[in-house]
Amino acid sequence: MNTKPLNFVLIGRSGSGKGTQAELLKEKFPNLYHIVTGDLFRKLGNAETDTSHQIKKILDAGGLPLDDIATTLWMYEISFNVKEGQGILADGFPRRLKEAKNLDRFLGFLDRKPNTFYLLIDISRKEAFDRLTKRRICKKCGKLIPWVGEFKKLTVCNKCGGDLMTRMDDKVEAIKNRLDYYEENVVPVVEYYKKQNKLIKINGEQTIEKVFEDIFKAIKLNVKK
């Protein structure tokens, strides 16, 4: 019997609510180590190195840097931080087929594949564009405020009371580039997991609470005894 902790791979268009659902998963499963590839890239982009300058240019245009760099960043993060009894919460990766295959091999190496859930939070491109052009971020604590449900009514951050602003990389052209990127690169990842009968598709155009309810139901139905 495999006694490894549960792991979750969240996939979906930008604006699908992956980050929000990740927070709810962490409340339900407190031992999860949350890895957000976008945050790792933004951190690297703020460093004063040759690589960071190239990364920043790509991110500002709404693109994604080399898949080898993405793989290196999250593999390093897992290798140096995730304890044996912790689950992995992959938020926003893999975003390319090569990354998905690398993740498969790495999870196999860690003997975690049987206990990993691949969750697609599915929203349309139109819904994603609407959310991304309207969502905000707190100037003070950096919390991302999604454009869904009750969050639409917020005028200040519900965590610290800070002022809200548009995120720097949420420009219209950059958003279009990110959505194009999903169609070209992430859809093949979705198909890859679908062919292996691993993909769990969740309707992301519901309330935050209902999306999580569907996720938790799927986990209970599919968890390995």
Protein backbone atom coordinates (compact mmCIF):
# COMPACT_ATOMS: atom_id res chain seq x y z
CA MET A 1 0.00 0.00 0.00
CA ASN A 2 1.29 3.46 -0.97
CA THR A 3 1.32 5.70 2.10
CA LYS A 4 2.75 8.77 0.40
CA PRO A 5 0.81 12.04 0.92
CA LEU A 6 -1.62 13.36 -1.68
CA ASN A 7 -0.30 15.67 -4.41
CA PHE A 8 -2.26 18.03 -6.67
CA VAL A 9 -1.46 19.43 -10.10
CA LEU A 10 -3.70 22.42 -10.94
CA ILE A 11 -4.12 23.20 -14.64
CA GLY A 12 -6.22 25.89 -16.28
CA ARG A 13 -6.22 29.13 -18.22
CA SER A 14 -4.88 32.25 -16.54
CA GLY A 15 -7.72 33.60 -14.43
CA SER A 16 -9.35 30.19 -13.91
CA GLY A 17 -8.96 30.48 -10.14
CA LYS A 18 -6.07 28.06 -9.64
CA GLY A 19 -4.54 30.22 -6.92
CA THR A 20 -7.85 30.57 -5.05
CA GLN A 21 -8.51 26.82 -5.17
CA ALA A 22 -4.91 26.18 -4.11
CA GLU A 23 -5.53 28.19 -0.92
CA LEU A 24 -8.67 26.14 -0.20
CA LEU A 25 -6.76 22.89 -0.79
CA LYS A 26 -4.11 24.04 1.70
CA GLU A 27 -6.81 24.63 4.31
CA LYS A 28 -8.17 21.13 3.74
CA PHE A 29 -4.73 19.48 3.51
CA PRO A 30 -2.38 21.54 5.74
CA ASN A 31 0.72 19.51 4.88
CA LEU A 32 0.83 20.69 1.24
CA TYR A 33 3.91 22.51 -0.08
CA HIS A 34 2.58 25.10 -2.53
CA ILE A 35 4.69 25.81 -5.61
CA VAL A 36 3.67 28.58 -8.04
CA THR A 37 5.88 28.63 -11.13
CA GLY A 38 4.80 32.19 -11.95
CA ASP A 39 6.05 33.35 -8.54
CA LEU A 40 9.36 31.55 -9.07
CA PHE A 41 9.78 33.29 -12.43
CA ARG A 42 8.84 36.69 -10.98
CA LYS A 43 11.38 36.19 -8.20
CA LEU A 44 14.05 35.27 -10.75
CA GLY A 45 13.03 38.24 -12.90
CA ASN A 46 13.79 40.59 -9.99
CA ALA A 47 17.35 39.32 -9.61
CA GLU A 48 20.16 41.33 -11.18
CA THR A 49 21.55 38.67 -13.52
CA ASP A 50 21.78 38.15 -17.27
CA THR A 51 19.16 35.41 -17.02
CA SER A 52 16.81 37.56 -14.94
CA HIS A 53 16.88 40.38 -17.50
CA GLN A 54 15.89 37.97 -20.28
CA ILE A 55 13.17 36.45 -18.07
CA LYS A 56 11.72 39.88 -17.28
CA LYS A 57 11.46 40.82 -20.97
CA ILE A 58 9.58 37.59 -21.73
CA LEU A 59 7.24 37.94 -18.72
CA ASP A 60 6.44 41.58 -19.57
CA ALA A 61 5.36 40.42 -23.04
CA GLY A 62 3.07 37.80 -21.50
CA GLY A 63 5.24 34.88 -22.57
CA LEU A 64 6.88 32.02 -20.72
CA PRO A 65 10.62 31.39 -20.59
CA LEU A 66 12.34 28.16 -21.67
CA ASP A 67 10.68 25.00 -20.38
CA ASP A 68 14.07 23.79 -19.15
CA ILE A 69 14.26 26.81 -16.83
CA ALA A 70 10.72 26.18 -15.57
CA THR A 71 11.56 22.54 -14.89
CA THR A 72 14.79 23.51 -13.14
CA LEU A 73 13.01 26.04 -10.88
CA TRP A 74 10.22 23.77 -9.62
CA MET A 75 12.47 20.71 -9.43
CA TYR A 76 14.93 22.69 -7.30
CA GLU A 77 12.08 23.97 -5.12
CA ILE A 78 10.75 20.45 -4.52
CA SER A 79 14.17 18.87 -4.01
CA PHE A 80 15.32 21.36 -1.39
CA ASN A 81 12.06 22.00 0.46
CA VAL A 82 9.45 19.21 0.28
CA LYS A 83 9.68 16.78 3.21
CA GLU A 84 8.77 13.12 2.92
CA GLY A 85 5.44 13.58 4.71
CA GLN A 86 4.40 16.66 2.72
CA GLY A 87 2.18 16.73 -0.33
CA ILE A 88 3.04 18.79 -3.40
CA LEU A 89 0.65 21.42 -4.71
CA ALA A 90 1.71 22.35 -8.26
CA ASP A 91 0.00 25.60 -9.23
CA GLY A 92 0.41 26.56 -12.89
CA PHE A 93 2.76 23.83 -14.03
CA PRO A 94 3.33 21.87 -16.16
CA ARG A 95 2.53 24.30 -18.97
CA ARG A 96 4.27 22.40 -21.76
CA LEU A 97 4.27 18.77 -22.84
CA LYS A 98 7.99 18.38 -22.09
CA GLU A 99 7.40 19.72 -18.58
CA ALA A 100 4.52 17.25 -18.07
CA LYS A 101 6.78 14.35 -19.03
CA ASN A 102 9.54 15.68 -16.76
CA LEU A 103 7.06 15.95 -13.89
CA ASP A 104 5.87 12.40 -14.52
CA ARG A 105 9.42 11.08 -14.31
CA PHE A 106 10.15 13.10 -11.19
CA LEU A 107 6.97 11.99 -9.42
CA GLY A 108 7.85 8.41 -10.38
CA PHE A 109 11.30 8.88 -8.86
CA LEU A 110 9.63 10.10 -5.64
CA ASP A 111 7.08 7.24 -5.75
CA ARG A 112 4.25 9.81 -5.74
CA LYS A 113 2.48 9.13 -9.07
CA PRO A 114 -0.31 6.90 -7.65
CA ASN A 115 -1.32 9.62 -5.15
CA THR A 116 -1.31 12.58 -7.56
CA PHE A 117 -4.47 14.32 -8.82
CA TYR A 118 -4.41 16.25 -12.11
CA LEU A 119 -7.17 18.86 -11.85
CA LEU A 120 -8.24 20.97 -14.84
CA ILE A 121 -10.19 24.04 -13.71
CA ASP A 122 -11.97 24.70 -16.97
CA ILE A 123 -13.15 28.16 -18.06
CA SER A 124 -13.67 29.61 -21.55
CA ARG A 125 -11.22 32.00 -23.15
CA LYS A 126 -13.85 34.76 -23.00
CA GLU A 127 -14.36 34.23 -19.26
CA ALA A 128 -10.60 34.18 -18.69
CA PHE A 129 -10.10 37.47 -20.58
CA ASP A 130 -12.89 39.15 -18.61
CA ARG A 131 -11.46 38.03 -15.28
CA LEU A 132 -7.85 38.94 -16.12
CA THR A 133 -8.63 42.45 -17.32
CA LYS A 134 -10.60 43.19 -14.15
CA ARG A 135 -8.77 41.37 -11.33
CA ARG A 136 -6.65 43.38 -8.89
CA ILE A 137 -3.73 42.97 -6.52
CA CYS A 138 -3.12 44.51 -3.09
CA LYS A 139 -0.39 47.17 -3.10
CA LYS A 140 0.46 46.39 0.52
CA CYS A 141 0.50 42.58 0.95
CA GLY A 142 0.42 41.41 -2.67
CA LYS A 143 -2.76 39.34 -2.36
CA LEU A 144 -4.40 38.71 -5.73
CA ILE A 145 -8.09 39.66 -5.72
CA PRO A 146 -9.98 37.65 -8.38
CA TRP A 147 -12.85 39.11 -10.38
CA VAL A 148 -15.41 36.55 -9.23
CA GLY A 149 -18.37 36.49 -6.83
CA GLU A 150 -18.13 38.67 -3.73
CA PHE A 151 -14.55 39.70 -4.58
CA LYS A 152 -15.92 42.02 -7.29
CA LYS A 153 -17.37 44.27 -4.58
CA LEU A 154 -14.09 44.80 -2.69
CA THR A 155 -12.65 48.32 -2.68
CA VAL A 156 -9.73 47.44 -0.37
CA CYS A 157 -7.85 44.22 0.37
CA ASN A 158 -9.91 41.84 2.52
CA LYS A 159 -6.71 40.55 4.14
CA CYS A 160 -4.86 43.71 5.22
CA GLY A 161 -7.02 46.65 4.12
CA GLY A 162 -4.46 47.82 1.55
CA ASP A 163 -5.28 49.67 -1.68
CA LEU A 164 -5.99 47.62 -4.80
CA MET A 165 -4.42 48.06 -8.23
CA THR A 166 -4.12 46.26 -11.57
CA ARG A 167 -1.24 43.76 -11.65
CA MET A 168 1.71 45.01 -13.71
CA ASP A 169 1.66 42.02 -16.10
CA ASP A 170 -2.14 42.18 -16.61
CA LYS A 171 -1.96 44.40 -19.70
CA VAL A 172 -4.39 43.53 -22.52
CA GLU A 173 -1.71 42.50 -25.02
CA ALA A 174 0.10 40.40 -22.41
CA ILE A 175 -3.19 38.74 -21.43
CA LYS A 176 -3.92 37.84 -25.07
CA ASN A 177 -0.42 36.37 -25.37
CA ARG A 178 -0.95 34.24 -22.25
CA LEU A 179 -4.29 32.96 -23.53
CA ASP A 180 -2.76 32.16 -26.94
CA TYR A 181 0.03 30.35 -25.15
CA TYR A 182 -2.49 28.17 -23.33
CA GLU A 183 -4.11 27.07 -26.59
CA GLU A 184 -0.78 26.26 -28.22
CA ASN A 185 1.12 24.70 -25.33
CA VAL A 186 -1.08 23.81 -22.35
CA VAL A 187 -3.88 22.14 -24.32
CA PRO A 188 -1.43 19.38 -25.41
CA VAL A 189 -0.67 18.84 -21.69
CA VAL A 190 -4.40 18.50 -21.00
CA GLU A 191 -4.69 15.96 -23.83
CA TYR A 192 -1.63 14.10 -22.52
CA TYR A 193 -3.25 13.55 -19.11
CA LYS A 194 -6.64 12.86 -20.68
CA LYS A 195 -5.18 10.02 -22.79
CA GLN A 196 -3.74 8.49 -19.61
CA ASN A 197 -7.16 8.74 -17.90
CA LYS A 198 -5.58 10.94 -15.23
CA LEU A 199 -7.36 14.21 -15.92
CA ILE A 200 -10.17 15.38 -13.61
CA LYS A 201 -12.14 18.18 -15.29
CA ILE A 202 -13.85 20.73 -13.04
CA ASN A 203 -16.25 23.43 -14.22
CA GLY A 204 -14.45 26.63 -13.20
CA GLU A 205 -17.33 28.96 -14.17
CA GLN A 206 -19.17 28.36 -10.90
CA THR A 207 -18.87 30.02 -7.52
CA ILE A 208 -15.55 29.54 -5.76
CA GLU A 209 -17.29 27.37 -3.15
CA LYS A 210 -18.95 25.13 -5.76
CA VAL A 211 -15.68 24.67 -7.68
CA PHE A 212 -13.98 23.51 -4.50
CA GLU A 213 -16.90 21.28 -3.60
CA ASP A 214 -16.52 19.52 -6.98
CA ILE A 215 -12.76 19.22 -6.49
CA PHE A 216 -13.17 17.64 -3.06
CA LYS A 217 -15.80 15.22 -4.34
CA ALA A 218 -13.44 14.13 -7.12
CA ILE A 219 -10.62 13.60 -4.61
CA LYS A 220 -12.81 11.43 -2.38
CA LEU A 221 -13.96 9.38 -5.38
CA ASN A 222 -10.46 8.82 -6.75
CA VAL A 223 -8.21 8.59 -3.69
CA LYS A 224 -6.19 5.38 -3.48
CA LYS A 225 -7.18 3.29 -0.48
